Amino acid sequence: MRKSQKGFTLIELVMVIVILGILAAVAIPKYIDLSSQANVASANGIFGAVQSAAAINFANNRVNNTSNYITNATQLVSAMTTTPSGWTVGAMTLTNTAYPTYVITVSSAETATAPAVVTKSGF
């Protein structure tokens, strides 16, 4: 009597490799798309922080009867206490250095009755 051998046949191993190749071919484009979505989400997060800084500065001016108005991007970033990592400050804009299509602009200066208006482009 022969001993029963255990293991996979060559056809089974080739089929597993083919299936793994197909899965990899489908997964790689999805991964690349996720990284671009992550970049947009990160830029949107910075935009939200910028809007919050403008709103908090406006509320502080109203409550304390001060006139520390945001009229440009430099004042906006100083209201945030720090420049967001990977962003540069221009006269009226914050621009992402890694993805320069993402730009946040102070499109309207703060007044005694209205907060600074901040807009985004390239997102």
PDB file of N, CA and C in Angstrom:
ATOM      1  N   MET A   1       0.825  -1.181   0.000  1.00  0.00           N
ATOM      2  CA  MET A   1       0.000   0.000   0.000  1.00  0.00           C
ATOM      3  C   MET A   1       0.875   1.253   0.000  1.00  0.00           C
ATOM      4  N   ARG A   2       0.432   2.224  -0.791  1.00  0.00           N
ATOM      5  CA  ARG A   2       1.155   3.484  -0.848  1.00  0.00           C
ATOM      6  C   ARG A   2       0.659   4.424   0.226  1.00  0.00           C
ATOM      7  N   LYS A   3       1.599   5.245   0.675  1.00  0.00           N
ATOM      8  CA  LYS A   3       1.251   6.271   1.653  1.00  0.00           C
ATOM      9  C   LYS A   3       0.483   7.397   0.958  1.00  0.00           C
ATOM     10  N   SER A   4      -0.522   7.910   1.584  1.00  0.00           N
ATOM     11  CA  SER A   4      -1.283   9.015   1.012  1.00  0.00           C
ATOM     12  C   SER A   4      -0.474  10.311   1.139  1.00  0.00           C
ATOM     13  N   GLN A   5      -0.202  10.967   0.010  1.00  0.00           N
ATOM     14  CA  GLN A   5       0.565  12.214   0.042  1.00  0.00           C
ATOM     15  C   GLN A   5      -0.382  13.392   0.192  1.00  0.00           C
ATOM     16  N   LYS A   6       0.114  14.399   0.944  1.00  0.00           N
ATOM     17  CA  LYS A   6      -0.695  15.592   1.179  1.00  0.00           C
ATOM     18  C   LYS A   6      -0.017  16.780   0.514  1.00  0.00           C
ATOM     19  N   GLY A   7      -0.789  17.769   0.092  1.00  0.00           N
ATOM     20  CA  GLY A   7      -0.238  18.973  -0.518  1.00  0.00           C
ATOM     21  C   GLY A   7      -1.125  19.467  -1.640  1.00  0.00           C
ATOM     22  N   PHE A   8      -0.682  20.571  -2.252  1.00  0.00           N
ATOM     23  CA  PHE A   8      -1.443  21.182  -3.335  1.00  0.00           C
ATOM     24  C   PHE A   8      -0.860  20.751  -4.676  1.00  0.00           C
ATOM     25  N   THR A   9      -1.707  20.671  -5.655  1.00  0.00           N
ATOM     26  CA  THR A   9      -1.220  20.363  -6.996  1.00  0.00           C
ATOM     27  C   THR A   9      -0.720  21.649  -7.646  1.00  0.00           C
ATOM     28  N   LEU A  10       0.005  21.519  -8.719  1.00  0.00           N
ATOM     29  CA  LEU A  10       0.542  22.675  -9.429  1.00  0.00           C
ATOM     30  C   LEU A  10      -0.585  23.564  -9.963  1.00  0.00           C
ATOM     31  N   ILE A  11      -1.650  22.984 -10.423  1.00  0.00           N
ATOM     32  CA  ILE A  11      -2.791  23.747 -10.939  1.00  0.00           C
ATOM     33  C   ILE A  11      -3.431  24.586  -9.836  1.00  0.00           C
ATOM     34  N   GLU A  12      -3.576  24.024  -8.665  1.00  0.00           N
ATOM     35  CA  GLU A  12      -4.146  24.772  -7.541  1.00  0.00           C
ATOM     36  C   GLU A  12      -3.260  25.961  -7.181  1.00  0.00           C
ATOM     37  N   LEU A  13      -1.962  25.776  -7.148  1.00  0.00           N
ATOM     38  CA  LEU A  13      -1.051  26.872  -6.824  1.00  0.00           C
ATOM     39  C   LEU A  13      -1.099  27.967  -7.890  1.00  0.00           C
ATOM     40  N   VAL A  14      -1.147  27.606  -9.152  1.00  0.00           N
ATOM     41  CA  VAL A  14      -1.231  28.592 -10.230  1.00  0.00           C
ATOM     42  C   VAL A  14      -2.538  29.367 -10.134  1.00  0.00           C
ATOM     43  N   MET A  15      -3.626  28.702  -9.842  1.00  0.00           N
ATOM     44  CA  MET A  15      -4.918  29.384  -9.712  1.00  0.00           C
ATOM     45  C   MET A  15      -4.896  30.409  -8.573  1.00  0.00           C
ATOM     46  N   VAL A  16      -4.275  30.067  -7.456  1.00  0.00           N
ATOM     47  CA  VAL A  16      -4.170  31.008  -6.331  1.00  0.00           C
ATOM     48  C   VAL A  16      -3.362  32.232  -6.758  1.00  0.00           C
ATOM     49  N   ILE A  17      -2.279  32.041  -7.474  1.00  0.00           N
ATOM     50  CA  ILE A  17      -1.453  33.159  -7.931  1.00  0.00           C
ATOM     51  C   ILE A  17      -2.234  34.037  -8.912  1.00  0.00           C
ATOM     52  N   VAL A  18      -2.998  33.442  -9.795  1.00  0.00           N
ATOM     53  CA  VAL A  18      -3.813  34.203 -10.744  1.00  0.00           C
ATOM     54  C   VAL A  18      -4.861  35.022 -10.002  1.00  0.00           C
ATOM     55  N   ILE A  19      -5.513  34.435  -9.037  1.00  0.00           N
ATOM     56  CA  ILE A  19      -6.540  35.151  -8.266  1.00  0.00           C
ATOM     57  C   ILE A  19      -5.905  36.309  -7.499  1.00  0.00           C
ATOM     58  N   LEU A  20      -4.750  36.113  -6.889  1.00  0.00           N
ATOM     59  CA  LEU A  20      -4.065  37.195  -6.178  1.00  0.00           C
ATOM     60  C   LEU A  20      -3.669  38.315  -7.142  1.00  0.00           C
ATOM     61  N   GLY A  21      -3.250  37.968  -8.346  1.00  0.00           N
ATOM     62  CA  GLY A  21      -2.909  38.977  -9.352  1.00  0.00           C
ATOM     63  C   GLY A  21      -4.099  39.812  -9.753  1.00  0.00           C
ATOM     64  N   ILE A  22      -5.246  39.171  -9.919  1.00  0.00           N
ATOM     65  CA  ILE A  22      -6.469  39.896 -10.277  1.00  0.00           C
ATOM     66  C   ILE A  22      -6.875  40.834  -9.138  1.00  0.00           C
ATOM     67  N   LEU A  23      -6.812  40.369  -7.913  1.00  0.00           N
ATOM     68  CA  LEU A  23      -7.150  41.219  -6.764  1.00  0.00           C
ATOM     69  C   LEU A  23      -6.217  42.420  -6.669  1.00  0.00           C
ATOM     70  N   ALA A  24      -4.927  42.205  -6.898  1.00  0.00           N
ATOM     71  CA  ALA A  24      -3.964  43.309  -6.858  1.00  0.00           C
ATOM     72  C   ALA A  24      -4.243  44.319  -7.963  1.00  0.00           C
ATOM     73  N   ALA A  25      -4.594  43.849  -9.144  1.00  0.00           N
ATOM     74  CA  ALA A  25      -4.879  44.752 -10.265  1.00  0.00           C
ATOM     75  C   ALA A  25      -6.108  45.621  -9.984  1.00  0.00           C
ATOM     76  N   VAL A  26      -7.041  45.101  -9.221  1.00  0.00           N
ATOM     77  CA  VAL A  26      -8.233  45.870  -8.857  1.00  0.00           C
ATOM     78  C   VAL A  26      -7.937  46.811  -7.692  1.00  0.00           C
ATOM     79  N   ALA A  27      -7.133  46.388  -6.746  1.00  0.00           N
ATOM     80  CA  ALA A  27      -6.896  47.160  -5.528  1.00  0.00           C
ATOM     81  C   ALA A  27      -5.968  48.356  -5.738  1.00  0.00           C
ATOM     82  N   ILE A  28      -4.982  48.266  -6.607  1.00  0.00           N
ATOM     83  CA  ILE A  28      -4.006  49.352  -6.771  1.00  0.00           C
ATOM     84  C   ILE A  28      -4.662  50.645  -7.262  1.00  0.00           C
ATOM     85  N   PRO A  29      -5.514  50.636  -8.278  1.00  0.00           N
ATOM     86  CA  PRO A  29      -6.175  51.897  -8.670  1.00  0.00           C
ATOM     87  C   PRO A  29      -7.049  52.482  -7.561  1.00  0.00           C
ATOM     88  N   LYS A  30      -7.679  51.626  -6.789  1.00  0.00           N
ATOM     89  CA  LYS A  30      -8.487  52.122  -5.678  1.00  0.00           C
ATOM     90  C   LYS A  30      -7.616  52.823  -4.649  1.00  0.00           C
ATOM     91  N   TYR A  31      -6.448  52.271  -4.367  1.00  0.00           N
ATOM     92  CA  TYR A  31      -5.529  52.867  -3.401  1.00  0.00           C
ATOM     93  C   TYR A  31      -5.055  54.230  -3.881  1.00  0.00           C
ATOM     94  N   ILE A  32      -4.726  54.357  -5.158  1.00  0.00           N
ATOM     95  CA  ILE A  32      -4.272  55.632  -5.701  1.00  0.00           C
ATOM     96  C   ILE A  32      -5.379  56.669  -5.577  1.00  0.00           C
ATOM     97  N   ASP A  33      -6.607  56.284  -5.853  1.00  0.00           N
ATOM     98  CA  ASP A  33      -7.731  57.199  -5.732  1.00  0.00           C
ATOM     99  C   ASP A  33      -7.927  57.630  -4.281  1.00  0.00           C
ATOM    100  N   LEU A  34      -7.708  56.735  -3.334  1.00  0.00           N
ATOM    101  CA  LEU A  34      -7.859  57.080  -1.921  1.00  0.00           C
ATOM    102  C   LEU A  34      -6.849  58.128  -1.491  1.00  0.00           C
ATOM    103  N   SER A  35      -5.636  58.093  -2.026  1.00  0.00           N
ATOM    104  CA  SER A  35      -4.636  59.079  -1.616  1.00  0.00           C
ATOM    105  C   SER A  35      -5.026  60.477  -2.102  1.00  0.00           C
ATOM    106  N   SER A  36      -5.605  60.605  -3.293  1.00  0.00           N
ATOM    107  CA  SER A  36      -6.040  61.929  -3.748  1.00  0.00           C
ATOM    108  C   SER A  36      -7.222  62.419  -2.922  1.00  0.00           C
ATOM    109  N   GLN A  37      -8.114  61.503  -2.544  1.00  0.00           N
ATOM    110  CA  GLN A  37      -9.232  61.883  -1.674  1.00  0.00           C
ATOM    111  C   GLN A  37      -8.726  62.318  -0.301  1.00  0.00           C
ATOM    112  N   ALA A  38      -7.686  61.681   0.189  1.00  0.00           N
ATOM    113  CA  ALA A  38      -7.108  62.062   1.481  1.00  0.00           C
ATOM    114  C   ALA A  38      -6.504  63.458   1.420  1.00  0.00           C
ATOM    115  N   ASN A  39      -5.871  63.800   0.294  1.00  0.00           N
ATOM    116  CA  ASN A  39      -5.304  65.141   0.142  1.00  0.00           C
ATOM    117  C   ASN A  39      -6.395  66.210   0.146  1.00  0.00           C
ATOM    118  N   VAL A  40      -7.495  65.944  -0.533  1.00  0.00           N
ATOM    119  CA  VAL A  40      -8.615  66.888  -0.546  1.00  0.00           C
ATOM    120  C   VAL A  40      -9.222  67.007   0.852  1.00  0.00           C
ATOM    121  N   ALA A  41      -9.363  65.893   1.549  1.00  0.00           N
ATOM    122  CA  ALA A  41      -9.918  65.917   2.902  1.00  0.00           C
ATOM    123  C   ALA A  41      -9.028  66.712   3.850  1.00  0.00           C
ATOM    124  N   SER A  42      -7.716  66.557   3.702  1.00  0.00           N
ATOM    125  CA  SER A  42      -6.779  67.317   4.521  1.00  0.00           C
ATOM    126  C   SER A  42      -6.908  68.811   4.250  1.00  0.00           C
ATOM    127  N   ALA A  43      -6.990  69.180   2.968  1.00  0.00           N
ATOM    128  CA  ALA A  43      -7.149  70.592   2.606  1.00  0.00           C
ATOM    129  C   ALA A  43      -8.477  71.136   3.127  1.00  0.00           C
ATOM    130  N   ASN A  44      -9.539  70.345   3.065  1.00  0.00           N
ATOM    131  CA  ASN A  44     -10.834  70.767   3.611  1.00  0.00           C
ATOM    132  C   ASN A  44     -10.763  70.952   5.122  1.00  0.00           C
ATOM    133  N   GLY A  45      -9.970  70.129   5.800  1.00  0.00           N
ATOM    134  CA  GLY A  45      -9.782  70.286   7.240  1.00  0.00           C
ATOM    135  C   GLY A  45      -9.112  71.603   7.579  1.00  0.00           C
ATOM    136  N   ILE A  46      -8.100  71.965   6.808  1.00  0.00           N
ATOM    137  CA  ILE A  46      -7.428  73.257   7.010  1.00  0.00           C
ATOM    138  C   ILE A  46      -8.408  74.390   6.733  1.00  0.00           C
ATOM    139  N   PHE A  47      -9.217  74.251   5.684  1.00  0.00           N
ATOM    140  CA  PHE A  47     -10.215  75.275   5.362  1.00  0.00           C
ATOM    141  C   PHE A  47     -11.189  75.460   6.531  1.00  0.00           C
ATOM    142  N   GLY A  48     -11.627  74.361   7.123  1.00  0.00           N
ATOM    143  CA  GLY A  48     -12.509  74.455   8.288  1.00  0.00           C
ATOM    144  C   GLY A  48     -11.843  75.164   9.461  1.00  0.00           C
ATOM    145  N   ALA A  49     -10.557  74.883   9.685  1.00  0.00           N
ATOM    146  CA  ALA A  49      -9.818  75.543  10.767  1.00  0.00           C
ATOM    147  C   ALA A  49      -9.694  77.044  10.500  1.00  0.00           C
ATOM    148  N   VAL A  50      -9.464  77.398   9.242  1.00  0.00           N
ATOM    149  CA  VAL A  50      -9.350  78.811   8.861  1.00  0.00           C
ATOM    150  C   VAL A  50     -10.687  79.528   9.087  1.00  0.00           C
ATOM    151  N   GLN A  51     -11.780  78.909   8.680  1.00  0.00           N
ATOM    152  CA  GLN A  51     -13.097  79.515   8.901  1.00  0.00           C
ATOM    153  C   GLN A  51     -13.382  79.676  10.395  1.00  0.00           C
ATOM    154  N   SER A  52     -13.014  78.674  11.184  1.00  0.00           N
ATOM    155  CA  SER A  52     -13.224  78.750  12.630  1.00  0.00           C
ATOM    156  C   SER A  52     -12.410  79.873  13.248  1.00  0.00           C
ATOM    157  N   ALA A  53     -11.162  80.025  12.809  1.00  0.00           N
ATOM    158  CA  ALA A  53     -10.310  81.098  13.333  1.00  0.00           C
ATOM    159  C   ALA A  53     -10.918  82.465  13.032  1.00  0.00           C
ATOM    160  N   ALA A  54     -11.445  82.622  11.823  1.00  0.00           N
ATOM    161  CA  ALA A  54     -12.073  83.892  11.455  1.00  0.00           C
ATOM    162  C   ALA A  54     -13.310  84.157  12.314  1.00  0.00           C
ATOM    163  N   ALA A  55     -14.116  83.132  12.535  1.00  0.00           N
ATOM    164  CA  ALA A  55     -15.330  83.290  13.345  1.00  0.00           C
ATOM    165  C   ALA A  55     -14.998  83.581  14.807  1.00  0.00           C
ATOM    166  N   ILE A  56     -14.003  82.900  15.344  1.00  0.00           N
ATOM    167  CA  ILE A  56     -13.614  83.122  16.743  1.00  0.00           C
ATOM    168  C   ILE A  56     -13.048  84.526  16.917  1.00  0.00           C
ATOM    169  N   ASN A  57     -12.230  84.981  15.966  1.00  0.00           N
ATOM    170  CA  ASN A  57     -11.670  86.334  16.033  1.00  0.00           C
ATOM    171  C   ASN A  57     -12.775  87.380  15.988  1.00  0.00           C
ATOM    172  N   PHE A  58     -13.764  87.169  15.106  1.00  0.00           N
ATOM    173  CA  PHE A  58     -14.882  88.103  14.999  1.00  0.00           C
ATOM    174  C   PHE A  58     -15.676  88.145  16.310  1.00  0.00           C
ATOM    175  N   ALA A  59     -15.958  86.968  16.870  1.00  0.00           N
ATOM    176  CA  ALA A  59     -16.704  86.915  18.134  1.00  0.00           C
ATOM    177  C   ALA A  59     -15.936  87.590  19.262  1.00  0.00           C
ATOM    178  N   ASN A  60     -14.623  87.391  19.311  1.00  0.00           N
ATOM    179  CA  ASN A  60     -13.794  88.025  20.337  1.00  0.00           C
ATOM    180  C   ASN A  60     -13.835  89.548  20.202  1.00  0.00           C
ATOM    181  N   ASN A  61     -13.789  90.039  18.974  1.00  0.00           N
ATOM    182  CA  ASN A  61     -13.862  91.492  18.758  1.00  0.00           C
ATOM    183  C   ASN A  61     -15.207  92.052  19.192  1.00  0.00           C
ATOM    184  N   ARG A  62     -16.283  91.311  18.942  1.00  0.00           N
ATOM    185  CA  ARG A  62     -17.620  91.784  19.330  1.00  0.00           C
ATOM    186  C   ARG A  62     -17.795  91.794  20.840  1.00  0.00           C
ATOM    187  N   VAL A  63     -17.311  90.744  21.509  1.00  0.00           N
ATOM    188  CA  VAL A  63     -17.495  90.635  22.951  1.00  0.00           C
ATOM    189  C   VAL A  63     -16.622  91.635  23.703  1.00  0.00           C
ATOM    190  N   ASN A  64     -15.387  91.785  23.267  1.00  0.00           N
ATOM    191  CA  ASN A  64     -14.434  92.633  23.995  1.00  0.00           C
ATOM    192  C   ASN A  64     -14.328  94.051  23.437  1.00  0.00           C
ATOM    193  N   ASN A  65     -15.168  94.408  22.489  1.00  0.00           N
ATOM    194  CA  ASN A  65     -15.153  95.727  21.864  1.00  0.00           C
ATOM    195  C   ASN A  65     -13.765  96.125  21.381  1.00  0.00           C
ATOM    196  N   THR A  66     -13.082  95.206  20.717  1.00  0.00           N
ATOM    197  CA  THR A  66     -11.777  95.492  20.133  1.00  0.00           C
ATOM    198  C   THR A  66     -11.914  95.564  18.620  1.00  0.00           C
ATOM    199  N   SER A  67     -10.848  95.955  17.977  1.00  0.00           N
ATOM    200  CA  SER A  67     -10.899  96.054  16.512  1.00  0.00           C
ATOM    201  C   SER A  67      -9.688  95.362  15.898  1.00  0.00           C
ATOM    202  N   ASN A  68      -9.443  94.137  16.328  1.00  0.00           N
ATOM    203  CA  ASN A  68      -8.355  93.327  15.782  1.00  0.00           C
ATOM    204  C   ASN A  68      -8.883  92.579  14.566  1.00  0.00           C
ATOM    205  N   TYR A  69      -9.177  93.327  13.504  1.00  0.00           N
ATOM    206  CA  TYR A  69      -9.852  92.765  12.344  1.00  0.00           C
ATOM    207  C   TYR A  69      -8.897  91.964  11.459  1.00  0.00           C
ATOM    208  N   ILE A  70      -9.441  90.912  10.858  1.00  0.00           N
ATOM    209  CA  ILE A  70      -8.698  90.121   9.878  1.00  0.00           C
ATOM    210  C   ILE A  70      -8.951  90.739   8.507  1.00  0.00           C
ATOM    211  N   THR A  71      -7.874  91.237   7.899  1.00  0.00           N
ATOM    212  CA  THR A  71      -8.013  91.839   6.574  1.00  0.00           C
ATOM    213  C   THR A  71      -7.177  91.110   5.522  1.00  0.00           C
ATOM    214  N   ASN A  72      -6.272  90.237   5.973  1.00  0.00           N
ATOM    215  CA  ASN A  72      -5.437  89.504   5.014  1.00  0.00           C
ATOM    216  C   ASN A  72      -5.048  88.147   5.604  1.00  0.00           C
ATOM    217  N   ALA A  73      -4.347  87.352   4.828  1.00  0.00           N
ATOM    218  CA  ALA A  73      -4.008  85.987   5.240  1.00  0.00           C
ATOM    219  C   ALA A  73      -3.029  85.963   6.408  1.00  0.00           C
ATOM    220  N   THR A  74      -2.135  86.919   6.481  1.00  0.00           N
ATOM    221  CA  THR A  74      -1.172  86.947   7.591  1.00  0.00           C
ATOM    222  C   THR A  74      -1.896  87.130   8.916  1.00  0.00           C
ATOM    223  N   GLN A  75      -2.849  88.039   8.976  1.00  0.00           N
ATOM    224  CA  GLN A  75      -3.626  88.235  10.199  1.00  0.00           C
ATOM    225  C   GLN A  75      -4.489  87.015  10.507  1.00  0.00           C
ATOM    226  N   LEU A  76      -4.982  86.369   9.472  1.00  0.00           N
ATOM    227  CA  LEU A  76      -5.785  85.164   9.667  1.00  0.00           C
ATOM    228  C   LEU A  76      -4.951  84.056  10.308  1.00  0.00           C
ATOM    229  N   VAL A  77      -3.737  83.849   9.798  1.00  0.00           N
ATOM    230  CA  VAL A  77      -2.869  82.806  10.359  1.00  0.00           C
ATOM    231  C   VAL A  77      -2.443  83.172  11.771  1.00  0.00           C
ATOM    232  N   SER A  78      -2.211  84.454  12.052  1.00  0.00           N
ATOM    233  CA  SER A  78      -1.845  84.822  13.424  1.00  0.00           C
ATOM    234  C   SER A  78      -3.023  84.605  14.367  1.00  0.00           C
ATOM    235  N   ALA A  79      -4.254  84.709  13.862  1.00  0.00           N
ATOM    236  CA  ALA A  79      -5.426  84.386  14.684  1.00  0.00           C
ATOM    237  C   ALA A  79      -5.490  82.889  14.966  1.00  0.00           C
ATOM    238  N   MET A  80      -4.888  82.085  14.080  1.00  0.00           N
ATOM    239  CA  MET A  80      -4.848  80.631  14.264  1.00  0.00           C
ATOM    240  C   MET A  80      -3.665  80.212  15.133  1.00  0.00           C
ATOM    241  N   THR A  81      -2.775  81.133  15.462  1.00  0.00           N
ATOM    242  CA  THR A  81      -1.539  80.915  16.232  1.00  0.00           C
ATOM    243  C   THR A  81      -0.421  80.216  15.478  1.00  0.00           C
ATOM    244  N   THR A  82      -0.698  79.541  14.403  1.00  0.00           N
ATOM    245  CA  THR A  82       0.370  78.863  13.668  1.00  0.00           C
ATOM    246  C   THR A  82      -0.027  78.668  12.213  1.00  0.00           C
ATOM    247  N   THR A  83       0.977  78.621  11.365  1.00  0.00           N
ATOM    248  CA  THR A  83       0.718  78.303   9.960  1.00  0.00           C
ATOM    249  C   THR A  83       0.492  76.809   9.841  1.00  0.00           C
ATOM    250  N   PRO A  84      -0.554  76.371   9.168  1.00  0.00           N
ATOM    251  CA  PRO A  84      -0.757  74.933   8.985  1.00  0.00           C
ATOM    252  C   PRO A  84       0.445  74.308   8.274  1.00  0.00           C
ATOM    253  N   SER A  85       0.822  73.136   8.698  1.00  0.00           N
ATOM    254  CA  SER A  85       1.976  72.446   8.123  1.00  0.00           C
ATOM    255  C   SER A  85       1.786  72.197   6.631  1.00  0.00           C
ATOM    256  N   GLY A  86       2.786  72.572   5.825  1.00  0.00           N
ATOM    257  CA  GLY A  86       2.715  72.359   4.387  1.00  0.00           C
ATOM    258  C   GLY A  86       2.005  73.466   3.625  1.00  0.00           C
ATOM    259  N   TRP A  87       1.683  74.580   4.283  1.00  0.00           N
ATOM    260  CA  TRP A  87       0.991  75.687   3.634  1.00  0.00           C
ATOM    261  C   TRP A  87       1.850  76.940   3.746  1.00  0.00           C
ATOM    262  N   THR A  88       1.817  77.789   2.731  1.00  0.00           N
ATOM    263  CA  THR A  88       2.528  79.061   2.775  1.00  0.00           C
ATOM    264  C   THR A  88       1.518  80.201   2.763  1.00  0.00           C
ATOM    265  N   VAL A  89       1.917  81.308   3.381  1.00  0.00           N
ATOM    266  CA  VAL A  89       1.024  82.456   3.493  1.00  0.00           C
ATOM    267  C   VAL A  89       1.439  83.507   2.479  1.00  0.00           C
ATOM    268  N   GLY A  90       0.485  83.914   1.635  1.00  0.00           N
ATOM    269  CA  GLY A  90       0.687  85.022   0.714  1.00  0.00           C
ATOM    270  C   GLY A  90      -0.038  86.239   1.244  1.00  0.00           C
ATOM    271  N   ALA A  91      -0.155  87.274   0.438  1.00  0.00           N
ATOM    272  CA  ALA A  91      -0.819  88.501   0.885  1.00  0.00           C
ATOM    273  C   ALA A  91      -2.263  88.219   1.307  1.00  0.00           C
ATOM    274  N   MET A  92      -3.001  87.547   0.447  1.00  0.00           N
ATOM    275  CA  MET A  92      -4.412  87.265   0.744  1.00  0.00           C
ATOM    276  C   MET A  92      -4.715  85.775   0.736  1.00  0.00           C
ATOM    277  N   THR A  93      -3.695  84.923   0.528  1.00  0.00           N
ATOM    278  CA  THR A  93      -3.962  83.498   0.336  1.00  0.00           C
ATOM    279  C   THR A  93      -3.093  82.615   1.211  1.00  0.00           C
ATOM    280  N   LEU A  94      -3.620  81.419   1.455  1.00  0.00           N
ATOM    281  CA  LEU A  94      -2.855  80.296   1.988  1.00  0.00           C
ATOM    282  C   LEU A  94      -2.784  79.287   0.856  1.00  0.00           C
ATOM    283  N   THR A  95      -1.585  78.826   0.538  1.00  0.00           N
ATOM    284  CA  THR A  95      -1.418  77.893  -0.571  1.00  0.00           C
ATOM    285  C   THR A  95      -0.690  76.655  -0.089  1.00  0.00           C
ATOM    286  N   ASN A  96      -1.188  75.487  -0.469  1.00  0.00           N
ATOM    287  CA  ASN A  96      -0.541  74.227  -0.099  1.00  0.00           C
ATOM    288  C   ASN A  96       0.706  74.054  -0.956  1.00  0.00           C
ATOM    289  N   THR A  97       1.855  73.800  -0.319  1.00  0.00           N
ATOM    290  CA  THR A  97       3.107  73.687  -1.067  1.00  0.00           C
ATOM    291  C   THR A  97       3.226  72.355  -1.795  1.00  0.00           C
ATOM    292  N   ALA A  98       2.621  71.292  -1.271  1.00  0.00           N
ATOM    293  CA  ALA A  98       2.706  69.984  -1.925  1.00  0.00           C
ATOM    294  C   ALA A  98       1.719  69.886  -3.092  1.00  0.00           C
ATOM    295  N   TYR A  99       0.555  70.468  -2.938  1.00  0.00           N
ATOM    296  CA  TYR A  99      -0.481  70.430  -3.967  1.00  0.00           C
ATOM    297  C   TYR A  99      -0.942  71.866  -4.202  1.00  0.00           C
ATOM    298  N   PRO A 100      -0.207  72.639  -5.010  1.00  0.00           N
ATOM    299  CA  PRO A 100      -0.487  74.071  -5.125  1.00  0.00           C
ATOM    300  C   PRO A 100      -1.834  74.429  -5.723  1.00  0.00           C
ATOM    301  N   THR A 101      -2.623  73.443  -6.100  1.00  0.00           N
ATOM    302  CA  THR A 101      -3.953  73.781  -6.599  1.00  0.00           C
ATOM    303  C   THR A 101      -4.905  74.123  -5.457  1.00  0.00           C
ATOM    304  N   TYR A 102      -4.544  73.777  -4.223  1.00  0.00           N
ATOM    305  CA  TYR A 102      -5.410  74.071  -3.084  1.00  0.00           C
ATOM    306  C   TYR A 102      -5.060  75.466  -2.542  1.00  0.00           C
ATOM    307  N   VAL A 103      -5.990  76.407  -2.688  1.00  0.00           N
ATOM    308  CA  VAL A 103      -5.744  77.775  -2.260  1.00  0.00           C
ATOM    309  C   VAL A 103      -6.927  78.239  -1.410  1.00  0.00           C
ATOM    310  N   ILE A 104      -6.608  78.843  -0.265  1.00  0.00           N
ATOM    311  CA  ILE A 104      -7.618  79.439   0.610  1.00  0.00           C
ATOM    312  C   ILE A 104      -7.391  80.945   0.572  1.00  0.00           C
ATOM    313  N   THR A 105      -8.441  81.708   0.287  1.00  0.00           N
ATOM    314  CA  THR A 105      -8.307  83.149   0.088  1.00  0.00           C
ATOM    315  C   THR A 105      -9.181  83.912   1.074  1.00  0.00           C
ATOM    316  N   VAL A 106      -8.635  84.993   1.641  1.00  0.00           N
ATOM    317  CA  VAL A 106      -9.441  85.931   2.421  1.00  0.00           C
ATOM    318  C   VAL A 106     -10.078  86.848   1.382  1.00  0.00           C
ATOM    319  N   SER A 107     -11.330  86.560   1.039  1.00  0.00           N
ATOM    320  CA  SER A 107     -11.963  87.277  -0.070  1.00  0.00           C
ATOM    321  C   SER A 107     -12.692  88.543   0.372  1.00  0.00           C
ATOM    322  N   SER A 108     -12.929  88.670   1.665  1.00  0.00           N
ATOM    323  CA  SER A 108     -13.568  89.880   2.178  1.00  0.00           C
ATOM    324  C   SER A 108     -13.061  90.115   3.594  1.00  0.00           C
ATOM    325  N   ALA A 109     -12.592  91.315   3.855  1.00  0.00           N
ATOM    326  CA  ALA A 109     -12.023  91.642   5.166  1.00  0.00           C
ATOM    327  C   ALA A 109     -13.112  91.711   6.240  1.00  0.00           C
ATOM    328  N   GLU A 110     -12.691  91.458   7.469  1.00  0.00           N
ATOM    329  CA  GLU A 110     -13.602  91.547   8.610  1.00  0.00           C
ATOM    330  C   GLU A 110     -13.940  93.006   8.880  1.00  0.00           C
ATOM    331  N   THR A 111     -15.186  93.258   9.275  1.00  0.00           N
ATOM    332  CA  THR A 111     -15.622  94.596   9.679  1.00  0.00           C
ATOM    333  C   THR A 111     -16.224  94.496  11.069  1.00  0.00           C
ATOM    334  N   ALA A 112     -16.715  95.608  11.574  1.00  0.00           N
ATOM    335  CA  ALA A 112     -17.325  95.608  12.901  1.00  0.00           C
ATOM    336  C   ALA A 112     -18.612  94.801  12.931  1.00  0.00           C
ATOM    337  N   THR A 113     -19.223  94.568  11.776  1.00  0.00           N
ATOM    338  CA  THR A 113     -20.504  93.862  11.750  1.00  0.00           C
ATOM    339  C   THR A 113     -20.477  92.537  10.997  1.00  0.00           C
ATOM    340  N   ALA A 114     -19.360  92.208  10.348  1.00  0.00           N
ATOM    341  CA  ALA A 114     -19.303  90.963   9.569  1.00  0.00           C
ATOM    342  C   ALA A 114     -17.919  90.327   9.673  1.00  0.00           C
ATOM    343  N   PRO A 115     -17.888  89.002   9.859  1.00  0.00           N
ATOM    344  CA  PRO A 115     -16.586  88.331   9.920  1.00  0.00           C
ATOM    345  C   PRO A 115     -15.917  88.289   8.551  1.00  0.00           C
ATOM    346  N   ALA A 116     -14.623  88.008   8.548  1.00  0.00           N
ATOM    347  CA  ALA A 116     -13.888  87.850   7.281  1.00  0.00           C
ATOM    348  C   ALA A 116     -14.479  86.695   6.507  1.00  0.00           C
ATOM    349  N   VAL A 117     -14.596  86.881   5.207  1.00  0.00           N
ATOM    350  CA  VAL A 117     -15.102  85.816   4.347  1.00  0.00           C
ATOM    351  C   VAL A 117     -13.914  85.088   3.763  1.00  0.00           C
ATOM    352  N   VAL A 118     -13.903  83.770   3.930  1.00  0.00           N
ATOM    353  CA  VAL A 118     -12.810  82.948   3.467  1.00  0.00           C
ATOM    354  C   VAL A 118     -13.362  81.988   2.417  1.00  0.00           C
ATOM    355  N   THR A 119     -12.688  81.926   1.257  1.00  0.00           N
ATOM    356  CA  THR A 119     -13.129  81.037   0.191  1.00  0.00           C
ATOM    357  C   THR A 119     -12.007  80.076  -0.172  1.00  0.00           C
ATOM    358  N   LYS A 120     -12.369  79.010  -0.857  1.00  0.00           N
ATOM    359  CA  LYS A 120     -11.381  78.006  -1.268  1.00  0.00           C
ATOM    360  C   LYS A 120     -11.484  77.772  -2.757  1.00  0.00           C
ATOM    361  N   SER A 121     -10.372  77.318  -3.348  1.00  0.00           N
ATOM    362  CA  SER A 121     -10.386  76.952  -4.753  1.00  0.00           C
ATOM    363  C   SER A 121      -9.442  75.789  -4.976  1.00  0.00           C
ATOM    364  N   GLY A 122      -9.706  75.008  -6.008  1.00  0.00           N
ATOM    365  CA  GLY A 122      -8.858  73.875  -6.341  1.00  0.00           C
ATOM    366  C   GLY A 122      -9.151  72.627  -5.562  1.00  0.00           C
ATOM    367  N   PHE A 123     -10.182  72.612  -4.740  1.00  0.00           N
ATOM    368  CA  PHE A 123     -10.479  71.458  -3.901  1.00  0.00           C
ATOM    369  C   PHE A 123     -11.338  70.490  -4.673  1.00  0.00           C
TER     370      PHE A 123
END
